[in-house]
Amino acid sequence: MPRTTAHRTAALAVSVTSSLLLGVWAAAPAAAHGAPTDPASRVYGCSPDGSQNGTAACRAAVAANGSPFTAWDNLRVANVNGRDRQTIPDGELCSGGLPAYRGLDLARTDWPSTRMTPGAALTMRYVSTIPHTGTFRLYLTKPGYDPAKPLTWSDLPEKPFAEVKDPALTDGAYRIDATLPSDRTGRQVLYTVWQNSSTPDTYYSCSDVVFPAAKSTGAGAQGADPAAGGGSGSGSGSGSGEAKAGASPGQTGQRAESAKESPAPAGSAATAIPSGSPAEAGAAPESTPVASAADTDSDPSAPTMAGGAAAVLLLIGGAAAALRLRRR
């Protein structure tokens, strides 16, 4: 083969492999990292992987959003650096101010809720598809919060009721232990902020919860069940609903309890999963693989890129070897 032809062959090999690498780069998944699944956040519960996506509130949220919440683990804002109240606008706390999640900000009284017990122990399960170091801050809306109005920063206390730094990642999820405030009744929002220290991102989520209403001691008075008539309320996050190894993000806790069932005993928070959830099908959703403690903070495209780079080196090396042979 003439030297000119050999050069053309080598150049063609480099061009083809470069094109393949660019294709792999373009097809690499966007970074995505996590959200609370117990108690279920709005973005997870209303996602295709969640168990609440058929409820009226979730259907309305998707309609307002203009698309389903497929990327439920990617609700993040970069470079907030602790300036949450200055960065995220009032009325847009659940979406983090991101247009792609605007349906989560609908002011409704029928969001699927998780039953809680005032003053009880809570273990939040926060699934992570890519682990990061950072601090979780948990807020609970103030007494008297009105769920029929948009959520604002003034609805939340200045300080979180729990703050946990770098909790252990177990079976693809962080377990965040806390004690719930003892003075809440009715519908509330559990607002979670995850500020990364290994990336510039901060994650926001709203989990709708419901506490028993205070019972009057007057003659003939009865305590109202706040879950009755309020969407598809179910259990609440606690240490009793630990997921088994390899379980799907929604695979925690017991089956859903009806609104008529009694609340959990004092000092604990009951856990439940509505019937018909992906967990009952026995398979983890393919679209959201959970992370392991061995994973790194690198971009999810890194393994794909490493493979593509190896292919380029292999093909270029082969082309160069062929060129050297032809020159002899």
Protein backbone atom coordinates (compact mmCIF):
# COMPACT_ATOMS: atom_id res chain seq x y z
CA MET A 1 0.00 0.00 0.00
CA PRO A 2 1.49 3.42 -0.91
CA ARG A 3 2.46 5.68 1.96
CA THR A 4 -0.22 8.24 1.01
CA THR A 5 -2.91 5.57 1.18
CA ALA A 6 -1.64 4.39 4.56
CA HIS A 7 -1.78 7.94 5.91
CA ARG A 8 -5.33 8.28 4.63
CA THR A 9 -6.30 5.00 6.31
CA ALA A 10 -4.87 6.10 9.63
CA ALA A 11 -6.57 9.50 9.39
CA LEU A 12 -9.87 7.83 8.60
CA ALA A 13 -9.56 5.57 11.66
CA VAL A 14 -8.91 8.56 13.90
CA SER A 15 -11.84 10.45 12.39
CA VAL A 16 -14.24 7.53 12.85
CA THR A 17 -13.23 6.87 16.45
CA SER A 18 -13.45 10.57 17.28
CA SER A 19 -16.98 10.64 15.91
CA LEU A 20 -17.87 7.59 17.96
CA LEU A 21 -16.46 9.21 21.08
CA LEU A 22 -18.46 12.39 20.49
CA GLY A 23 -21.57 10.25 20.07
CA VAL A 24 -20.91 8.48 23.35
CA TRP A 25 -20.32 11.83 25.06
CA ALA A 26 -23.59 13.23 23.73
CA ALA A 27 -25.50 10.12 24.80
CA ALA A 28 -24.07 10.14 28.33
CA PRO A 29 -26.75 10.61 31.01
CA ALA A 30 -27.12 13.94 32.77
CA ALA A 31 -25.98 14.06 36.37
CA ALA A 32 -28.70 13.13 38.83
CA HIS A 33 -28.35 12.43 42.49
CA GLY A 34 -31.32 11.86 44.81
CA ALA A 35 -34.56 12.69 46.61
CA PRO A 36 -36.54 11.55 49.67
CA THR A 37 -38.60 8.43 49.05
CA ASP A 38 -39.82 7.89 52.63
CA PRO A 39 -41.63 10.03 53.50
CA ALA A 40 -42.17 10.38 49.77
CA SER A 41 -41.34 13.73 48.27
CA ARG A 42 -43.73 15.20 45.73
CA VAL A 43 -41.23 14.83 42.91
CA TYR A 44 -40.67 11.13 43.65
CA GLY A 45 -44.26 10.22 44.51
CA CYS A 46 -45.57 11.83 41.32
CA SER A 47 -42.82 10.42 39.11
CA PRO A 48 -43.29 7.36 36.86
CA ASP A 49 -41.35 5.41 39.52
CA GLY A 50 -43.51 6.64 42.40
CA SER A 51 -46.66 5.10 43.81
CA GLN A 52 -48.77 8.27 43.87
CA ASN A 53 -48.64 9.34 40.23
CA GLY A 54 -52.28 8.41 39.64
CA THR A 55 -53.66 10.78 42.26
CA ALA A 56 -55.49 13.96 41.32
CA ALA A 57 -52.77 16.19 42.73
CA CYS A 58 -50.02 14.40 40.81
CA ARG A 59 -52.00 14.46 37.58
CA ALA A 60 -52.52 18.20 38.03
CA ALA A 61 -48.82 18.69 38.77
CA VAL A 62 -47.77 16.84 35.63
CA ALA A 63 -50.28 18.82 33.57
CA ALA A 64 -48.98 22.11 34.98
CA ASN A 65 -45.44 20.91 34.44
CA GLY A 66 -46.02 19.97 30.83
CA SER A 67 -44.06 16.73 31.23
CA PRO A 68 -43.72 13.86 33.74
CA PHE A 69 -41.22 13.99 36.59
CA THR A 70 -38.94 11.37 35.09
CA ALA A 71 -35.79 13.01 36.49
CA TRP A 72 -37.08 12.97 40.06
CA ASP A 73 -33.53 12.74 41.43
CA ASN A 74 -32.25 15.83 39.64
CA LEU A 75 -34.02 18.73 41.35
CA ARG A 76 -30.91 20.76 42.12
CA VAL A 77 -29.68 24.33 41.94
CA ALA A 78 -26.01 25.22 41.57
CA ASN A 79 -23.98 27.78 43.52
CA VAL A 80 -26.53 28.55 46.23
CA ASN A 81 -23.89 28.26 48.95
CA GLY A 82 -26.37 28.36 51.83
CA ARG A 83 -28.27 31.38 50.48
CA ASP A 84 -31.48 29.39 50.10
CA ARG A 85 -33.87 32.16 51.12
CA GLN A 86 -32.18 34.67 48.84
CA THR A 87 -32.03 32.31 45.86
CA ILE A 88 -35.29 30.32 45.83
CA PRO A 89 -38.36 32.57 45.36
CA ASP A 90 -41.40 32.40 47.62
CA GLY A 91 -44.07 30.14 46.16
CA GLU A 92 -41.42 28.10 44.32
CA LEU A 93 -39.79 26.25 47.19
CA CYS A 94 -40.90 22.77 46.09
CA SER A 95 -39.57 23.25 42.55
CA GLY A 96 -36.40 24.97 43.69
CA GLY A 97 -37.40 27.75 41.32
CA LEU A 98 -36.75 25.44 38.34
CA PRO A 99 -39.29 25.72 35.47
CA ALA A 100 -38.90 21.99 34.73
CA TYR A 101 -40.50 21.21 38.13
CA ARG A 102 -43.03 24.04 38.44
CA GLY A 103 -45.95 21.63 38.85
CA LEU A 104 -44.68 20.77 42.33
CA ASP A 105 -45.53 24.26 43.58
CA LEU A 106 -49.31 23.91 43.15
CA ALA A 107 -51.14 25.02 46.30
CA ARG A 108 -53.45 22.08 46.98
CA THR A 109 -54.91 20.41 50.06
CA ASP A 110 -54.95 16.94 48.50
CA TRP A 111 -51.28 16.19 47.92
CA PRO A 112 -50.64 12.54 48.85
CA SER A 113 -49.47 12.68 52.44
CA THR A 114 -47.60 10.61 54.98
CA ARG A 115 -49.08 10.11 58.43
CA MET A 116 -46.84 11.32 61.23
CA THR A 117 -46.92 11.35 65.04
CA PRO A 118 -45.92 14.58 66.85
CA GLY A 119 -42.67 14.23 68.76
CA ALA A 120 -41.95 10.82 67.23
CA ALA A 121 -38.67 9.50 65.92
CA LEU A 122 -38.23 9.91 62.18
CA THR A 123 -35.85 8.14 59.86
CA MET A 124 -35.98 9.72 56.42
CA ARG A 125 -34.90 7.51 53.54
CA TYR A 126 -33.18 9.68 50.95
CA VAL A 127 -32.32 7.63 47.87
CA SER A 128 -29.10 8.65 46.13
CA THR A 129 -28.40 7.65 42.55
CA ILE A 130 -24.98 9.30 42.83
CA PRO A 131 -23.60 9.82 46.35
CA HIS A 132 -22.13 13.11 47.53
CA THR A 133 -20.88 14.50 50.78
CA GLY A 134 -22.93 17.28 52.29
CA THR A 135 -25.41 18.39 54.93
CA PHE A 136 -29.14 17.65 55.14
CA ARG A 137 -31.38 20.26 56.76
CA LEU A 138 -34.97 19.33 57.65
CA TYR A 139 -37.68 21.94 58.21
CA LEU A 140 -41.34 21.50 59.14
CA THR A 141 -43.87 24.20 58.34
CA LYS A 142 -44.96 26.28 61.32
CA PRO A 143 -48.15 25.65 63.31
CA GLY A 144 -51.07 27.20 61.44
CA TYR A 145 -49.59 26.54 57.99
CA ASP A 146 -52.25 26.79 55.27
CA PRO A 147 -51.72 24.18 52.51
CA ALA A 148 -54.21 26.02 50.28
CA LYS A 149 -51.64 28.81 49.85
CA PRO A 150 -48.28 28.72 48.06
CA LEU A 151 -45.41 27.66 50.31
CA THR A 152 -43.18 30.59 51.31
CA TRP A 153 -40.07 30.95 53.42
CA SER A 154 -42.12 32.64 56.12
CA ASP A 155 -44.01 29.34 56.51
CA LEU A 156 -40.78 27.68 57.67
CA PRO A 157 -38.85 28.31 60.90
CA GLU A 158 -35.51 30.07 60.60
CA LYS A 159 -33.68 27.02 61.90
CA PRO A 160 -34.18 23.38 60.86
CA PHE A 161 -35.44 20.88 63.43
CA ALA A 162 -32.69 18.52 62.28
CA GLU A 163 -29.32 18.93 60.59
CA VAL A 164 -27.22 15.90 59.63
CA LYS A 165 -23.82 15.96 57.96
CA ASP A 166 -22.56 13.10 55.79
CA PRO A 167 -24.89 10.29 56.91
CA ALA A 168 -23.92 6.77 55.88
CA LEU A 169 -25.15 5.48 52.52
CA THR A 170 -26.77 2.05 52.95
CA ASP A 171 -28.43 0.05 50.17
CA GLY A 172 -28.49 3.08 47.92
CA ALA A 173 -30.02 5.51 50.43
CA TYR A 174 -29.09 7.85 53.25
CA ARG A 175 -30.93 7.32 56.54
CA ILE A 176 -31.46 10.63 58.30
CA ASP A 177 -32.51 10.26 61.93
CA ALA A 178 -34.39 13.05 63.67
CA THR A 179 -37.10 13.78 66.22
CA LEU A 180 -40.24 15.46 64.91
CA PRO A 181 -41.53 18.63 66.57
CA SER A 182 -44.29 17.88 69.07
CA ASP A 183 -46.55 20.88 68.38
CA ARG A 184 -47.80 20.22 64.85
CA THR A 185 -51.30 19.18 63.82
CA GLY A 186 -53.04 18.71 60.48
CA ARG A 187 -51.34 19.01 57.12
CA GLN A 188 -47.74 20.20 57.02
CA VAL A 189 -44.79 20.16 54.61
CA LEU A 190 -41.50 18.50 55.50
CA TYR A 191 -38.97 20.57 53.57
CA THR A 192 -35.55 19.04 52.95
CA VAL A 193 -32.44 20.88 51.81
CA TRP A 194 -29.37 18.85 50.84
CA GLN A 195 -26.37 21.13 50.41
CA ASN A 196 -23.49 19.28 48.79
CA SER A 197 -19.92 19.85 49.85
CA SER A 198 -18.41 17.76 47.03
CA THR A 199 -20.32 19.60 44.28
CA PRO A 200 -21.71 23.17 43.98
CA ASP A 201 -25.29 21.84 44.02
CA THR A 202 -28.12 22.10 46.54
CA TYR A 203 -31.22 19.89 46.35
CA TYR A 204 -34.73 20.82 47.50
CA SER A 205 -37.78 18.67 48.17
CA CYS A 206 -41.26 18.83 49.68
CA SER A 207 -42.79 15.84 51.46
CA ASP A 208 -46.42 16.28 52.47
CA VAL A 209 -47.17 14.95 55.94
CA VAL A 210 -50.23 14.92 58.20
CA PHE A 211 -50.48 14.91 62.00
CA PRO A 212 -53.51 14.02 64.15
CA ALA A 213 -55.63 17.04 64.97
CA ALA A 214 -55.79 18.04 68.62
CA LYS A 215 -58.84 16.58 70.33
CA SER A 216 -61.13 18.85 72.26
CA THR A 217 -61.97 17.89 75.84
CA GLY A 218 -65.46 19.40 75.60
CA ALA A 219 -68.54 17.22 76.01
CA GLY A 220 -69.31 15.29 72.86
CA ALA A 221 -66.28 16.68 71.03
CA GLN A 222 -64.41 14.38 68.66
CA GLY A 223 -60.92 14.67 67.21
CA ALA A 224 -60.93 14.99 63.45
CA ASP A 225 -58.69 12.76 61.38
CA PRO A 226 -56.73 15.17 59.18
CA ALA A 227 -56.02 12.44 56.65
CA ALA A 228 -59.68 11.85 55.89
CA GLY A 229 -60.67 13.24 52.53
CA GLY A 230 -57.16 14.53 51.92
CA GLY A 231 -55.83 12.56 48.97
CA SER A 232 -54.09 9.23 49.29
CA GLY A 233 -52.35 9.65 52.63
CA SER A 234 -50.32 6.71 53.84
CA GLY A 235 -47.64 5.94 56.40
CA SER A 236 -44.58 7.94 57.41
CA GLY A 237 -40.83 7.57 57.36
CA SER A 238 -39.29 5.78 60.31
CA GLY A 239 -36.60 3.32 61.23
CA SER A 240 -39.13 0.50 61.14
CA GLY A 241 -39.40 0.49 57.36
CA GLU A 242 -35.80 -0.22 56.45
CA ALA A 243 -35.33 -1.36 52.86
CA LYS A 244 -33.67 -4.66 52.07
CA ALA A 245 -30.50 -4.80 50.03
CA GLY A 246 -31.17 -4.32 46.33
CA ALA A 247 -34.67 -2.94 46.88
CA SER A 248 -36.21 -0.33 44.63
CA PRO A 249 -36.35 3.29 45.87
CA GLY A 250 -39.99 2.90 46.92
CA GLN A 251 -39.52 -0.49 48.57
CA THR A 252 -39.73 0.47 52.23
CA GLY A 253 -42.27 0.09 55.00
CA GLN A 254 -45.60 -1.61 55.14
CA ARG A 255 -48.62 -1.50 52.83
CA ALA A 256 -50.75 1.61 52.80
CA GLU A 257 -53.02 2.24 55.72
CA SER A 258 -56.45 3.70 55.07
CA ALA A 259 -57.48 7.09 56.37
CA LYS A 260 -59.68 5.38 58.93
CA GLU A 261 -56.85 3.46 60.56
CA SER A 262 -55.53 4.69 63.87
CA PRO A 263 -52.28 6.70 63.90
CA ALA A 264 -49.00 5.20 65.00
CA PRO A 265 -48.32 4.83 68.71
CA ALA A 266 -46.62 7.72 70.45
CA GLY A 267 -42.85 7.84 70.15
CA SER A 268 -42.70 6.31 66.70
CA ALA A 269 -43.68 7.10 63.15
CA ALA A 270 -45.42 4.40 61.11
CA THR A 271 -44.19 3.58 57.62
CA ALA A 272 -46.31 2.58 54.64
CA ILE A 273 -46.24 2.27 50.87
CA PRO A 274 -49.47 2.69 48.87
CA SER A 275 -50.64 -0.43 47.07
CA GLY A 276 -49.76 -0.68 43.42
CA SER A 277 -46.30 0.84 43.92
CA PRO A 278 -43.29 -0.33 41.91
CA ALA A 279 -42.01 -2.01 45.08
CA GLU A 280 -44.88 -4.49 44.97
CA ALA A 281 -43.89 -5.49 41.47
CA GLY A 282 -40.59 -6.68 42.91
CA ALA A 283 -38.32 -4.88 40.47
CA ALA A 284 -36.24 -1.75 40.76
CA PRO A 285 -36.97 0.92 38.14
CA GLU A 286 -34.30 0.78 35.44
CA SER A 287 -34.35 4.53 34.94
CA THR A 288 -33.04 5.32 38.42
CA PRO A 289 -30.33 2.93 39.60
CA VAL A 290 -29.36 3.44 43.23
CA ALA A 291 -25.83 4.22 44.26
CA SER A 292 -23.49 2.29 46.50
CA ALA A 293 -21.02 3.59 49.06
CA ALA A 294 -18.21 2.54 46.74
CA ASP A 295 -19.33 5.01 44.05
CA THR A 296 -17.47 8.28 43.68
CA ASP A 297 -18.55 11.88 43.30
CA SER A 298 -17.58 11.90 39.65
CA ASP A 299 -20.01 12.74 36.89
CA PRO A 300 -22.09 9.67 35.85
CA SER A 301 -20.74 10.00 32.35
CA ALA A 302 -17.20 9.26 33.58
CA PRO A 303 -17.38 5.44 33.25
CA THR A 304 -18.86 5.80 29.77
CA MET A 305 -16.23 8.33 28.80
CA ALA A 306 -13.46 6.08 30.13
CA GLY A 307 -14.69 3.26 27.94
CA GLY A 308 -14.91 5.56 24.93
CA ALA A 309 -11.40 6.88 25.53
CA ALA A 310 -10.06 3.33 25.78
CA ALA A 311 -11.69 2.50 22.45
CA VAL A 312 -10.08 5.56 20.86
CA LEU A 313 -6.64 4.64 22.16
CA LEU A 314 -7.04 1.06 20.96
CA LEU A 315 -8.16 2.02 17.46
CA ILE A 316 -5.60 4.81 17.07
CA GLY A 317 -2.87 2.49 18.29
CA GLY A 318 -3.94 -0.10 15.73
CA ALA A 319 -3.97 2.44 12.96
CA ALA A 320 -0.50 3.68 13.95
CA ALA A 321 0.83 0.12 14.04
CA ALA A 322 -0.59 -0.56 10.59
CA LEU A 323 1.08 2.61 9.30
CA ARG A 324 4.46 1.59 10.72
CA LEU A 325 4.16 -1.85 9.11
CA ARG A 326 3.36 -0.33 5.74
CA ARG A 327 6.42 1.94 5.93
CA ARG A 328 8.79 -1.03 6.26
